[in-house]
Amino acid sequence: MIIHALKKKDWERAKKKGTYKGDTLAKNGFIHCSPIEKIVDVANYNFKGIEGLVLLCIDEDRVISEIKWEDLYNEGRDYPHIYGELNIDSVIDVFEFEPNKDGYFELPGGLKNLK
């Protein structure tokens, strides 16, 4: 399972269309994702204080587009990137993802058992 964070309104739009492109597919050529154990660090770095997010739990085996695990920023850690649109039927669960009062994120309770 891989994880993708996005605004809830964008997820609602994608469900109606049947696919999700994200805001990086056109710009970077892929949709950024994270392994479950890194999503909180990624979210705190990229989305600190942003409200109205959700986490998509994606079954890699159901994704039609190619997924590559890469270390594009020389961090010594590979991250999953989806090279194409995400078919929404590959999303097996969605969690509300709100920052705490200090603007930081914590892993939602339902995901802690999967970590």
PDB file of N, CA and C in Angstrom:
ATOM      1  N   MET A   1       0.841  -1.181   0.000  1.00  0.00           N
ATOM      2  CA  MET A   1       0.000   0.000   0.000  1.00  0.00           C
ATOM      3  C   MET A   1       0.884   1.242   0.000  1.00  0.00           C
ATOM      4  N   ILE A   2       0.491   2.199  -0.824  1.00  0.00           N
ATOM      5  CA  ILE A   2       1.158   3.497  -0.842  1.00  0.00           C
ATOM      6  C   ILE A   2       0.118   4.564  -0.506  1.00  0.00           C
ATOM      7  N   ILE A   3       0.602   5.722  -0.103  1.00  0.00           N
ATOM      8  CA  ILE A   3      -0.270   6.792   0.397  1.00  0.00           C
ATOM      9  C   ILE A   3      -0.063   8.060  -0.425  1.00  0.00           C
ATOM     10  N   HIS A   4      -1.164   8.783  -0.647  1.00  0.00           N
ATOM     11  CA  HIS A   4      -1.100  10.084  -1.311  1.00  0.00           C
ATOM     12  C   HIS A   4      -1.969  11.063  -0.536  1.00  0.00           C
ATOM     13  N   ALA A   5      -1.433  12.252  -0.235  1.00  0.00           N
ATOM     14  CA  ALA A   5      -2.177  13.304   0.456  1.00  0.00           C
ATOM     15  C   ALA A   5      -2.671  14.327  -0.565  1.00  0.00           C
ATOM     16  N   LEU A   6      -3.912  14.758  -0.386  1.00  0.00           N
ATOM     17  CA  LEU A   6      -4.480  15.762  -1.277  1.00  0.00           C
ATOM     18  C   LEU A   6      -5.642  16.449  -0.591  1.00  0.00           C
ATOM     19  N   LYS A   7      -6.107  17.539  -1.196  1.00  0.00           N
ATOM     20  CA  LYS A   7      -7.255  18.249  -0.652  1.00  0.00           C
ATOM     21  C   LYS A   7      -8.511  17.422  -0.886  1.00  0.00           C
ATOM     22  N   LYS A   8      -9.353  17.415   0.129  1.00  0.00           N
ATOM     23  CA  LYS A   8     -10.585  16.624   0.058  1.00  0.00           C
ATOM     24  C   LYS A   8     -11.421  17.019  -1.154  1.00  0.00           C
ATOM     25  N   LYS A   9     -11.486  18.304  -1.466  1.00  0.00           N
ATOM     26  CA  LYS A   9     -12.290  18.755  -2.609  1.00  0.00           C
ATOM     27  C   LYS A   9     -11.742  18.197  -3.923  1.00  0.00           C
ATOM     28  N   ASP A  10     -10.421  18.038  -4.019  1.00  0.00           N
ATOM     29  CA  ASP A  10      -9.824  17.456  -5.225  1.00  0.00           C
ATOM     30  C   ASP A  10     -10.168  15.972  -5.340  1.00  0.00           C
ATOM     31  N   TRP A  11     -10.220  15.287  -4.207  1.00  0.00           N
ATOM     32  CA  TRP A  11     -10.602  13.878  -4.212  1.00  0.00           C
ATOM     33  C   TRP A  11     -12.067  13.726  -4.626  1.00  0.00           C
ATOM     34  N   GLU A  12     -12.931  14.590  -4.136  1.00  0.00           N
ATOM     35  CA  GLU A  12     -14.345  14.537  -4.499  1.00  0.00           C
ATOM     36  C   GLU A  12     -14.518  14.737  -6.002  1.00  0.00           C
ATOM     37  N   ARG A  13     -13.760  15.660  -6.579  1.00  0.00           N
ATOM     38  CA  ARG A  13     -13.795  15.893  -8.030  1.00  0.00           C
ATOM     39  C   ARG A  13     -13.309  14.668  -8.796  1.00  0.00           C
ATOM     40  N   ALA A  14     -12.226  14.074  -8.319  1.00  0.00           N
ATOM     41  CA  ALA A  14     -11.653  12.899  -8.991  1.00  0.00           C
ATOM     42  C   ALA A  14     -12.631  11.724  -8.979  1.00  0.00           C
ATOM     43  N   LYS A  15     -13.337  11.532  -7.876  1.00  0.00           N
ATOM     44  CA  LYS A  15     -14.294  10.433  -7.799  1.00  0.00           C
ATOM     45  C   LYS A  15     -15.374  10.575  -8.872  1.00  0.00           C
ATOM     46  N   LYS A  16     -15.781  11.786  -9.145  1.00  0.00           N
ATOM     47  CA  LYS A  16     -16.796  12.024 -10.172  1.00  0.00           C
ATOM     48  C   LYS A  16     -16.256  11.735 -11.566  1.00  0.00           C
ATOM     49  N   LYS A  17     -14.960  12.031 -11.782  1.00  0.00           N
ATOM     50  CA  LYS A  17     -14.340  11.818 -13.094  1.00  0.00           C
ATOM     51  C   LYS A  17     -13.891  10.371 -13.302  1.00  0.00           C
ATOM     52  N   GLY A  18     -13.570   9.673 -12.217  1.00  0.00           N
ATOM     53  CA  GLY A  18     -13.102   8.300 -12.318  1.00  0.00           C
ATOM     54  C   GLY A  18     -11.592   8.160 -12.347  1.00  0.00           C
ATOM     55  N   THR A  19     -10.887   9.278 -12.438  1.00  0.00           N
ATOM     56  CA  THR A  19      -9.420   9.274 -12.393  1.00  0.00           C
ATOM     57  C   THR A  19      -8.932  10.512 -11.655  1.00  0.00           C
ATOM     58  N   TYR A  20      -7.693  10.436 -11.191  1.00  0.00           N
ATOM     59  CA  TYR A  20      -7.069  11.549 -10.475  1.00  0.00           C
ATOM     60  C   TYR A  20      -5.711  11.837 -11.105  1.00  0.00           C
ATOM     61  N   LYS A  21      -5.482  13.116 -11.415  1.00  0.00           N
ATOM     62  CA  LYS A  21      -4.213  13.521 -12.025  1.00  0.00           C
ATOM     63  C   LYS A  21      -3.310  14.252 -11.043  1.00  0.00           C
ATOM     64  N   GLY A  22      -3.879  14.794  -9.991  1.00  0.00           N
ATOM     65  CA  GLY A  22      -3.074  15.566  -9.047  1.00  0.00           C
ATOM     66  C   GLY A  22      -2.573  16.849  -9.676  1.00  0.00           C
ATOM     67  N   ASP A  23      -1.811  17.586  -8.908  1.00  0.00           N
ATOM     68  CA  ASP A  23      -1.273  18.849  -9.428  1.00  0.00           C
ATOM     69  C   ASP A  23       0.161  18.701  -9.911  1.00  0.00           C
ATOM     70  N   THR A  24       0.737  17.502  -9.808  1.00  0.00           N
ATOM     71  CA  THR A  24       2.132  17.333 -10.235  1.00  0.00           C
ATOM     72  C   THR A  24       2.284  16.484 -11.492  1.00  0.00           C
ATOM     73  N   LEU A  25       1.215  15.825 -11.928  1.00  0.00           N
ATOM     74  CA  LEU A  25       1.339  14.958 -13.101  1.00  0.00           C
ATOM     75  C   LEU A  25       1.757  15.765 -14.327  1.00  0.00           C
ATOM     76  N   ALA A  26       1.098  16.884 -14.591  1.00  0.00           N
ATOM     77  CA  ALA A  26       1.448  17.709 -15.751  1.00  0.00           C
ATOM     78  C   ALA A  26       2.817  18.368 -15.571  1.00  0.00           C
ATOM     79  N   LYS A  27       3.119  18.803 -14.358  1.00  0.00           N
ATOM     80  CA  LYS A  27       4.371  19.527 -14.089  1.00  0.00           C
ATOM     81  C   LYS A  27       5.577  18.599 -13.982  1.00  0.00           C
ATOM     82  N   ASN A  28       5.436  17.494 -13.258  1.00  0.00           N
ATOM     83  CA  ASN A  28       6.560  16.589 -12.991  1.00  0.00           C
ATOM     84  C   ASN A  28       6.508  15.275 -13.768  1.00  0.00           C
ATOM     85  N   GLY A  29       5.353  14.967 -14.331  1.00  0.00           N
ATOM     86  CA  GLY A  29       5.207  13.724 -15.070  1.00  0.00           C
ATOM     87  C   GLY A  29       4.771  12.553 -14.217  1.00  0.00           C
ATOM     88  N   PHE A  30       4.497  12.795 -12.946  1.00  0.00           N
ATOM     89  CA  PHE A  30       4.062  11.726 -12.050  1.00  0.00           C
ATOM     90  C   PHE A  30       3.313  12.302 -10.864  1.00  0.00           C
ATOM     91  N   ILE A  31       2.616  11.405 -10.147  1.00  0.00           N
ATOM     92  CA  ILE A  31       1.923  11.759  -8.911  1.00  0.00           C
ATOM     93  C   ILE A  31       2.794  11.280  -7.761  1.00  0.00           C
ATOM     94  N   HIS A  32       3.131  12.197  -6.859  1.00  0.00           N
ATOM     95  CA  HIS A  32       3.947  11.854  -5.683  1.00  0.00           C
ATOM     96  C   HIS A  32       3.136  11.009  -4.710  1.00  0.00           C
ATOM     97  N   CYS A  33       3.749   9.962  -4.199  1.00  0.00           N
ATOM     98  CA  CYS A  33       3.154   9.146  -3.141  1.00  0.00           C
ATOM     99  C   CYS A  33       4.228   8.865  -2.095  1.00  0.00           C
ATOM    100  N   SER A  34       3.824   8.236  -1.026  1.00  0.00           N
ATOM    101  CA  SER A  34       4.749   7.903   0.061  1.00  0.00           C
ATOM    102  C   SER A  34       4.446   6.521   0.601  1.00  0.00           C
ATOM    103  N   PRO A  35       5.462   5.878   1.151  1.00  0.00           N
ATOM    104  CA  PRO A  35       5.163   4.693   1.945  1.00  0.00           C
ATOM    105  C   PRO A  35       4.496   5.165   3.235  1.00  0.00           C
ATOM    106  N   ILE A  36       3.725   4.314   3.842  1.00  0.00           N
ATOM    107  CA  ILE A  36       2.969   4.699   5.030  1.00  0.00           C
ATOM    108  C   ILE A  36       3.868   5.263   6.138  1.00  0.00           C
ATOM    109  N   GLU A  37       5.049   4.704   6.310  1.00  0.00           N
ATOM    110  CA  GLU A  37       5.922   5.142   7.407  1.00  0.00           C
ATOM    111  C   GLU A  37       6.546   6.519   7.178  1.00  0.00           C
ATOM    112  N   LYS A  38       6.416   7.083   5.984  1.00  0.00           N
ATOM    113  CA  LYS A  38       7.003   8.403   5.704  1.00  0.00           C
ATOM    114  C   LYS A  38       5.971   9.499   5.457  1.00  0.00           C
ATOM    115  N   ILE A  39       4.672   9.150   5.383  1.00  0.00           N
ATOM    116  CA  ILE A  39       3.671  10.147   5.005  1.00  0.00           C
ATOM    117  C   ILE A  39       3.596  11.313   5.990  1.00  0.00           C
ATOM    118  N   VAL A  40       3.750  11.075   7.260  1.00  0.00           N
ATOM    119  CA  VAL A  40       3.669  12.172   8.229  1.00  0.00           C
ATOM    120  C   VAL A  40       4.831  13.148   8.027  1.00  0.00           C
ATOM    121  N   ASP A  41       6.039  12.642   7.842  1.00  0.00           N
ATOM    122  CA  ASP A  41       7.184  13.525   7.583  1.00  0.00           C
ATOM    123  C   ASP A  41       6.976  14.328   6.307  1.00  0.00           C
ATOM    124  N   VAL A  42       6.499  13.671   5.272  1.00  0.00           N
ATOM    125  CA  VAL A  42       6.249  14.342   3.994  1.00  0.00           C
ATOM    126  C   VAL A  42       5.182  15.421   4.157  1.00  0.00           C
ATOM    127  N   ALA A  43       4.106  15.080   4.852  1.00  0.00           N
ATOM    128  CA  ALA A  43       3.018  16.040   5.056  1.00  0.00           C
ATOM    129  C   ALA A  43       3.470  17.236   5.885  1.00  0.00           C
ATOM    130  N   ASN A  44       4.229  16.993   6.940  1.00  0.00           N
ATOM    131  CA  ASN A  44       4.694  18.106   7.765  1.00  0.00           C
ATOM    132  C   ASN A  44       5.660  19.006   7.000  1.00  0.00           C
ATOM    133  N   TYR A  45       6.393  18.459   6.063  1.00  0.00           N
ATOM    134  CA  TYR A  45       7.309  19.250   5.242  1.00  0.00           C
ATOM    135  C   TYR A  45       6.555  20.035   4.166  1.00  0.00           C
ATOM    136  N   ASN A  46       5.590  19.396   3.519  1.00  0.00           N
ATOM    137  CA  ASN A  46       4.921  20.008   2.369  1.00  0.00           C
ATOM    138  C   ASN A  46       3.594  20.697   2.677  1.00  0.00           C
ATOM    139  N   PHE A  47       2.904  20.268   3.733  1.00  0.00           N
ATOM    140  CA  PHE A  47       1.543  20.751   3.968  1.00  0.00           C
ATOM    141  C   PHE A  47       1.311  21.316   5.368  1.00  0.00           C
ATOM    142  N   LYS A  48       2.345  21.631   6.101  1.00  0.00           N
ATOM    143  CA  LYS A  48       2.186  22.085   7.490  1.00  0.00           C
ATOM    144  C   LYS A  48       1.111  23.174   7.578  1.00  0.00           C
ATOM    145  N   GLY A  49       0.127  22.925   8.445  1.00  0.00           N
ATOM    146  CA  GLY A  49      -0.926  23.900   8.706  1.00  0.00           C
ATOM    147  C   GLY A  49      -2.063  23.914   7.704  1.00  0.00           C
ATOM    148  N   ILE A  50      -1.983  23.143   6.656  1.00  0.00           N
ATOM    149  CA  ILE A  50      -3.042  23.137   5.644  1.00  0.00           C
ATOM    150  C   ILE A  50      -4.166  22.203   6.092  1.00  0.00           C
ATOM    151  N   GLU A  51      -5.361  22.748   6.108  1.00  0.00           N
ATOM    152  CA  GLU A  51      -6.528  21.974   6.528  1.00  0.00           C
ATOM    153  C   GLU A  51      -7.284  21.439   5.320  1.00  0.00           C
ATOM    154  N   GLY A  52      -8.141  20.462   5.568  1.00  0.00           N
ATOM    155  CA  GLY A  52      -9.000  19.930   4.522  1.00  0.00           C
ATOM    156  C   GLY A  52      -8.348  18.879   3.651  1.00  0.00           C
ATOM    157  N   LEU A  53      -7.358  18.163   4.211  1.00  0.00           N
ATOM    158  CA  LEU A  53      -6.684  17.123   3.448  1.00  0.00           C
ATOM    159  C   LEU A  53      -7.268  15.754   3.758  1.00  0.00           C
ATOM    160  N   VAL A  54      -7.034  14.829   2.838  1.00  0.00           N
ATOM    161  CA  VAL A  54      -7.331  13.414   3.051  1.00  0.00           C
ATOM    162  C   VAL A  54      -6.126  12.614   2.598  1.00  0.00           C
ATOM    163  N   LEU A  55      -6.034  11.399   3.110  1.00  0.00           N
ATOM    164  CA  LEU A  55      -5.006  10.453   2.680  1.00  0.00           C
ATOM    165  C   LEU A  55      -5.671   9.344   1.889  1.00  0.00           C
ATOM    166  N   LEU A  56      -5.153   9.096   0.699  1.00  0.00           N
ATOM    167  CA  LEU A  56      -5.618   7.973  -0.104  1.00  0.00           C
ATOM    168  C   LEU A  56      -4.720   6.782   0.173  1.00  0.00           C
ATOM    169  N   CYS A  57      -5.308   5.658   0.498  1.00  0.00           N
ATOM    170  CA  CYS A  57      -4.576   4.404   0.651  1.00  0.00           C
ATOM    171  C   CYS A  57      -4.747   3.652  -0.657  1.00  0.00           C
ATOM    172  N   ILE A  58      -3.655   3.464  -1.364  1.00  0.00           N
ATOM    173  CA  ILE A  58      -3.683   2.956  -2.727  1.00  0.00           C
ATOM    174  C   ILE A  58      -3.087   1.549  -2.781  1.00  0.00           C
ATOM    175  N   ASP A  59      -3.831   0.642  -3.381  1.00  0.00           N
ATOM    176  CA  ASP A  59      -3.352  -0.719  -3.605  1.00  0.00           C
ATOM    177  C   ASP A  59      -2.527  -0.702  -4.888  1.00  0.00           C
ATOM    178  N   GLU A  60      -1.217  -0.852  -4.743  1.00  0.00           N
ATOM    179  CA  GLU A  60      -0.314  -0.777  -5.894  1.00  0.00           C
ATOM    180  C   GLU A  60      -0.681  -1.767  -6.996  1.00  0.00           C
ATOM    181  N   ASP A  61      -1.201  -2.924  -6.628  1.00  0.00           N
ATOM    182  CA  ASP A  61      -1.542  -3.942  -7.616  1.00  0.00           C
ATOM    183  C   ASP A  61      -2.740  -3.552  -8.477  1.00  0.00           C
ATOM    184  N   ARG A  62      -3.519  -2.591  -8.019  1.00  0.00           N
ATOM    185  CA  ARG A  62      -4.708  -2.160  -8.771  1.00  0.00           C
ATOM    186  C   ARG A  62      -4.438  -0.938  -9.649  1.00  0.00           C
ATOM    187  N   VAL A  63      -3.302  -0.293  -9.464  1.00  0.00           N
ATOM    188  CA  VAL A  63      -2.991   0.924 -10.234  1.00  0.00           C
ATOM    189  C   VAL A  63      -2.653   0.535 -11.671  1.00  0.00           C
ATOM    190  N   ILE A  64      -3.334   1.153 -12.616  1.00  0.00           N
ATOM    191  CA  ILE A  64      -3.120   0.854 -14.027  1.00  0.00           C
ATOM    192  C   ILE A  64      -1.830   1.503 -14.536  1.00  0.00           C
ATOM    193  N   SER A  65      -1.570   2.734 -14.149  1.00  0.00           N
ATOM    194  CA  SER A  65      -0.362   3.439 -14.579  1.00  0.00           C
ATOM    195  C   SER A  65       0.875   2.829 -13.924  1.00  0.00           C
ATOM    196  N   GLU A  66       2.024   3.095 -14.511  1.00  0.00           N
ATOM    197  CA  GLU A  66       3.283   2.567 -13.972  1.00  0.00           C
ATOM    198  C   GLU A  66       3.649   3.246 -12.659  1.00  0.00           C
ATOM    199  N   ILE A  67       4.112   2.452 -11.706  1.00  0.00           N
ATOM    200  CA  ILE A  67       4.628   2.975 -10.435  1.00  0.00           C
ATOM    201  C   ILE A  67       6.117   2.688 -10.395  1.00  0.00           C
ATOM    202  N   LYS A  68       6.897   3.724 -10.105  1.00  0.00           N
ATOM    203  CA  LYS A  68       8.339   3.554  -9.941  1.00  0.00           C
ATOM    204  C   LYS A  68       8.719   4.024  -8.540  1.00  0.00           C
ATOM    205  N   TRP A  69       9.526   3.205  -7.861  1.00  0.00           N
ATOM    206  CA  TRP A  69      10.081   3.597  -6.570  1.00  0.00           C
ATOM    207  C   TRP A  69      11.434   4.224  -6.850  1.00  0.00           C
ATOM    208  N   GLU A  70      11.568   5.522  -6.518  1.00  0.00           N
ATOM    209  CA  GLU A  70      12.767   6.270  -6.892  1.00  0.00           C
ATOM    210  C   GLU A  70      13.223   7.195  -5.778  1.00  0.00           C
ATOM    211  N   ASP A  71      14.502   7.488  -5.779  1.00  0.00           N
ATOM    212  CA  ASP A  71      15.085   8.487  -4.887  1.00  0.00           C
ATOM    213  C   ASP A  71      15.484   9.681  -5.755  1.00  0.00           C
ATOM    214  N   LEU A  72      14.501  10.495  -6.123  1.00  0.00           N
ATOM    215  CA  LEU A  72      14.740  11.607  -7.052  1.00  0.00           C
ATOM    216  C   LEU A  72      15.477  12.781  -6.419  1.00  0.00           C
ATOM    217  N   TYR A  73      15.480  12.856  -5.102  1.00  0.00           N
ATOM    218  CA  TYR A  73      16.079  14.010  -4.421  1.00  0.00           C
ATOM    219  C   TYR A  73      17.305  13.619  -3.608  1.00  0.00           C
ATOM    220  N   ASN A  74      17.864  12.454  -3.909  1.00  0.00           N
ATOM    221  CA  ASN A  74      19.076  11.972  -3.239  1.00  0.00           C
ATOM    222  C   ASN A  74      18.972  12.009  -1.720  1.00  0.00           C
ATOM    223  N   GLU A  75      17.874  11.486  -1.213  1.00  0.00           N
ATOM    224  CA  GLU A  75      17.639  11.431   0.230  1.00  0.00           C
ATOM    225  C   GLU A  75      18.057  10.093   0.824  1.00  0.00           C
ATOM    226  N   GLY A  76      18.431   9.157  -0.038  1.00  0.00           N
ATOM    227  CA  GLY A  76      18.771   7.837   0.447  1.00  0.00           C
ATOM    228  C   GLY A  76      17.550   6.983   0.722  1.00  0.00           C
ATOM    229  N   ARG A  77      16.411   7.382   0.183  1.00  0.00           N
ATOM    230  CA  ARG A  77      15.148   6.654   0.406  1.00  0.00           C
ATOM    231  C   ARG A  77      14.308   6.736  -0.854  1.00  0.00           C
ATOM    232  N   ASP A  78      13.782   5.602  -1.292  1.00  0.00           N
ATOM    233  CA  ASP A  78      12.917   5.570  -2.463  1.00  0.00           C
ATOM    234  C   ASP A  78      11.478   5.916  -2.083  1.00  0.00           C
ATOM    235  N   TYR A  79      10.814   6.649  -2.978  1.00  0.00           N
ATOM    236  CA  TYR A  79       9.409   6.994  -2.825  1.00  0.00           C
ATOM    237  C   TYR A  79       8.665   6.528  -4.069  1.00  0.00           C
ATOM    238  N   PRO A  80       7.412   6.123  -3.914  1.00  0.00           N
ATOM    239  CA  PRO A  80       6.639   5.680  -5.071  1.00  0.00           C
ATOM    240  C   PRO A  80       6.091   6.871  -5.863  1.00  0.00           C
ATOM    241  N   HIS A  81       6.224   6.780  -7.173  1.00  0.00           N
ATOM    242  CA  HIS A  81       5.695   7.799  -8.078  1.00  0.00           C
ATOM    243  C   HIS A  81       4.823   7.102  -9.115  1.00  0.00           C
ATOM    244  N   ILE A  82       3.640   7.644  -9.326  1.00  0.00           N
ATOM    245  CA  ILE A  82       2.710   7.075 -10.304  1.00  0.00           C
ATOM    246  C   ILE A  82       2.848   7.872 -11.593  1.00  0.00           C
ATOM    247  N   TYR A  83       3.315   7.206 -12.630  1.00  0.00           N
ATOM    248  CA  TYR A  83       3.555   7.853 -13.923  1.00  0.00           C
ATOM    249  C   TYR A  83       2.314   7.734 -14.808  1.00  0.00           C
ATOM    250  N   GLY A  84       1.345   8.558 -14.510  1.00  0.00           N
ATOM    251  CA  GLY A  84       0.082   8.591 -15.241  1.00  0.00           C
ATOM    252  C   GLY A  84      -1.049   8.859 -14.267  1.00  0.00           C
ATOM    253  N   GLU A  85      -2.257   8.839 -14.793  1.00  0.00           N
ATOM    254  CA  GLU A  85      -3.424   9.072 -13.959  1.00  0.00           C
ATOM    255  C   GLU A  85      -3.625   7.921 -12.974  1.00  0.00           C
ATOM    256  N   LEU A  86      -4.210   8.249 -11.844  1.00  0.00           N
ATOM    257  CA  LEU A  86      -4.558   7.240 -10.843  1.00  0.00           C
ATOM    258  C   LEU A  86      -6.009   6.845 -11.055  1.00  0.00           C
ATOM    259  N   ASN A  87      -6.241   5.584 -11.328  1.00  0.00           N
ATOM    260  CA  ASN A  87      -7.610   5.079 -11.407  1.00  0.00           C
ATOM    261  C   ASN A  87      -8.165   4.973  -9.991  1.00  0.00           C
ATOM    262  N   ILE A  88      -9.326   5.564  -9.778  1.00  0.00           N
ATOM    263  CA  ILE A  88      -9.828   5.672  -8.402  1.00  0.00           C
ATOM    264  C   ILE A  88     -10.222   4.332  -7.798  1.00  0.00           C
ATOM    265  N   ASP A  89     -10.438   3.310  -8.631  1.00  0.00           N
ATOM    266  CA  ASP A  89     -10.773   2.018  -8.054  1.00  0.00           C
ATOM    267  C   ASP A  89      -9.563   1.328  -7.418  1.00  0.00           C
ATOM    268  N   SER A  90      -8.383   1.943  -7.520  1.00  0.00           N
ATOM    269  CA  SER A  90      -7.198   1.421  -6.828  1.00  0.00           C
ATOM    270  C   SER A  90      -7.113   1.949  -5.396  1.00  0.00           C
ATOM    271  N   VAL A  91      -7.966   2.915  -5.057  1.00  0.00           N
ATOM    272  CA  VAL A  91      -7.984   3.494  -3.712  1.00  0.00           C
ATOM    273  C   VAL A  91      -8.847   2.600  -2.826  1.00  0.00           C
ATOM    274  N   ILE A  92      -8.202   2.009  -1.817  1.00  0.00           N
ATOM    275  CA  ILE A  92      -8.915   1.051  -0.970  1.00  0.00           C
ATOM    276  C   ILE A  92      -9.443   1.665   0.330  1.00  0.00           C
ATOM    277  N   ASP A  93      -8.944   2.860   0.681  1.00  0.00           N
ATOM    278  CA  ASP A  93      -9.446   3.542   1.871  1.00  0.00           C
ATOM    279  C   ASP A  93      -9.045   5.009   1.798  1.00  0.00           C
ATOM    280  N   VAL A  94      -9.798   5.844   2.500  1.00  0.00           N
ATOM    281  CA  VAL A  94      -9.537   7.283   2.558  1.00  0.00           C
ATOM    282  C   VAL A  94      -9.679   7.709   4.012  1.00  0.00           C
ATOM    283  N   PHE A  95      -8.703   8.492   4.491  1.00  0.00           N
ATOM    284  CA  PHE A  95      -8.718   8.985   5.872  1.00  0.00           C
ATOM    285  C   PHE A  95      -8.672  10.508   5.890  1.00  0.00           C
ATOM    286  N   GLU A  96      -9.495  11.102   6.750  1.00  0.00           N
ATOM    287  CA  GLU A  96      -9.390  12.538   6.996  1.00  0.00           C
ATOM    288  C   GLU A  96      -7.997  12.796   7.551  1.00  0.00           C
ATOM    289  N   PHE A  97      -7.403  13.941   7.177  1.00  0.00           N
ATOM    290  CA  PHE A  97      -6.018  14.214   7.575  1.00  0.00           C
ATOM    291  C   PHE A  97      -5.881  15.697   7.909  1.00  0.00           C
ATOM    292  N   GLU A  98      -6.160  16.019   9.156  1.00  0.00           N
ATOM    293  CA  GLU A  98      -6.127  17.409   9.617  1.00  0.00           C
ATOM    294  C   GLU A  98      -4.925  17.644  10.526  1.00  0.00           C
ATOM    295  N   PRO A  99      -4.318  18.823  10.421  1.00  0.00           N
ATOM    296  CA  PRO A  99      -3.196  19.125  11.323  1.00  0.00           C
ATOM    297  C   PRO A  99      -3.695  19.397  12.741  1.00  0.00           C
ATOM    298  N   ASN A 100      -2.785  19.238  13.710  1.00  0.00           N
ATOM    299  CA  ASN A 100      -3.144  19.577  15.087  1.00  0.00           C
ATOM    300  C   ASN A 100      -3.092  21.096  15.259  1.00  0.00           C
ATOM    301  N   LYS A 101      -3.303  21.576  16.469  1.00  0.00           N
ATOM    302  CA  LYS A 101      -3.364  23.033  16.703  1.00  0.00           C
ATOM    303  C   LYS A 101      -2.054  23.742  16.384  1.00  0.00           C
ATOM    304  N   ASP A 102      -0.941  22.996  16.361  1.00  0.00           N
ATOM    305  CA  ASP A 102       0.355  23.581  16.019  1.00  0.00           C
ATOM    306  C   ASP A 102       0.667  23.473  14.529  1.00  0.00           C
ATOM    307  N   GLY A 103      -0.260  22.896  13.776  1.00  0.00           N
ATOM    308  CA  GLY A 103      -0.083  22.796  12.334  1.00  0.00           C
ATOM    309  C   GLY A 103       0.582  21.520  11.852  1.00  0.00           C
ATOM    310  N   TYR A 104       0.915  20.627  12.782  1.00  0.00           N
ATOM    311  CA  TYR A 104       1.600  19.381  12.413  1.00  0.00           C
ATOM    312  C   TYR A 104       0.613  18.222  12.281  1.00  0.00           C
ATOM    313  N   PHE A 105       0.995  17.256  11.478  1.00  0.00           N
ATOM    314  CA  PHE A 105       0.166  16.086  11.231  1.00  0.00           C
ATOM    315  C   PHE A 105       0.641  14.894  12.046  1.00  0.00           C
ATOM    316  N   GLU A 106      -0.306  14.014  12.328  1.00  0.00           N
ATOM    317  CA  GLU A 106      -0.026  12.734  12.954  1.00  0.00           C
ATOM    318  C   GLU A 106      -0.758  11.682  12.138  1.00  0.00           C
ATOM    319  N   LEU A 107      -0.268  10.477  12.155  1.00  0.00           N
ATOM    320  CA  LEU A 107      -0.893   9.395  11.415  1.00  0.00           C
ATOM    321  C   LEU A 107      -2.282   9.120  11.986  1.00  0.00           C
ATOM    322  N   PRO A 108      -3.314   9.099  11.150  1.00  0.00           N
ATOM    323  CA  PRO A 108      -4.671   8.796  11.658  1.00  0.00           C
ATOM    324  C   PRO A 108      -4.700   7.426  12.329  1.00  0.00           C
ATOM    325  N   GLY A 109      -5.522   7.308  13.336  1.00  0.00           N
ATOM    326  CA  GLY A 109      -5.613   6.076  14.118  1.00  0.00           C
ATOM    327  C   GLY A 109      -5.770   4.819  13.293  1.00  0.00           C
ATOM    328  N   GLY A 110      -6.621   4.866  12.258  1.00  0.00           N
ATOM    329  CA  GLY A 110      -6.868   3.696  11.441  1.00  0.00           C
ATOM    330  C   GLY A 110      -5.659   3.239  10.646  1.00  0.00           C
ATOM    331  N   LEU A 111      -4.703   4.128  10.428  1.00  0.00           N
ATOM    332  CA  LEU A 111      -3.477   3.773   9.696  1.00  0.00           C
ATOM    333  C   LEU A 111      -2.364   3.315  10.607  1.00  0.00           C
ATOM    334  N   LYS A 112      -2.433   3.638  11.884  1.00  0.00           N
ATOM    335  CA  LYS A 112      -1.366   3.271  12.810  1.00  0.00           C
ATOM    336  C   LYS A 112      -1.175   1.764  12.884  1.00  0.00           C
ATOM    337  N   ASN A 113      -2.244   1.011  12.770  1.00  0.00           N
ATOM    338  CA  ASN A 113      -2.155  -0.444  12.825  1.00  0.00           C
ATOM    339  C   ASN A 113      -1.543  -1.032  11.558  1.00  0.00           C
ATOM    340  N   LEU A 114      -1.566  -0.276  10.476  1.00  0.00           N
ATOM    341  CA  LEU A 114      -1.038  -0.759   9.202  1.00  0.00           C
ATOM    342  C   LEU A 114       0.441  -0.443   9.033  1.00  0.00           C
ATOM    343  N   LYS A 115       0.949   0.431   9.870  1.00  0.00           N
ATOM    344  CA  LYS A 115       2.339   0.905   9.755  1.00  0.00           C
ATOM    345  C   LYS A 115       3.343  -0.199   9.976  1.00  0.00           C
TER     346      LYS A 115
END
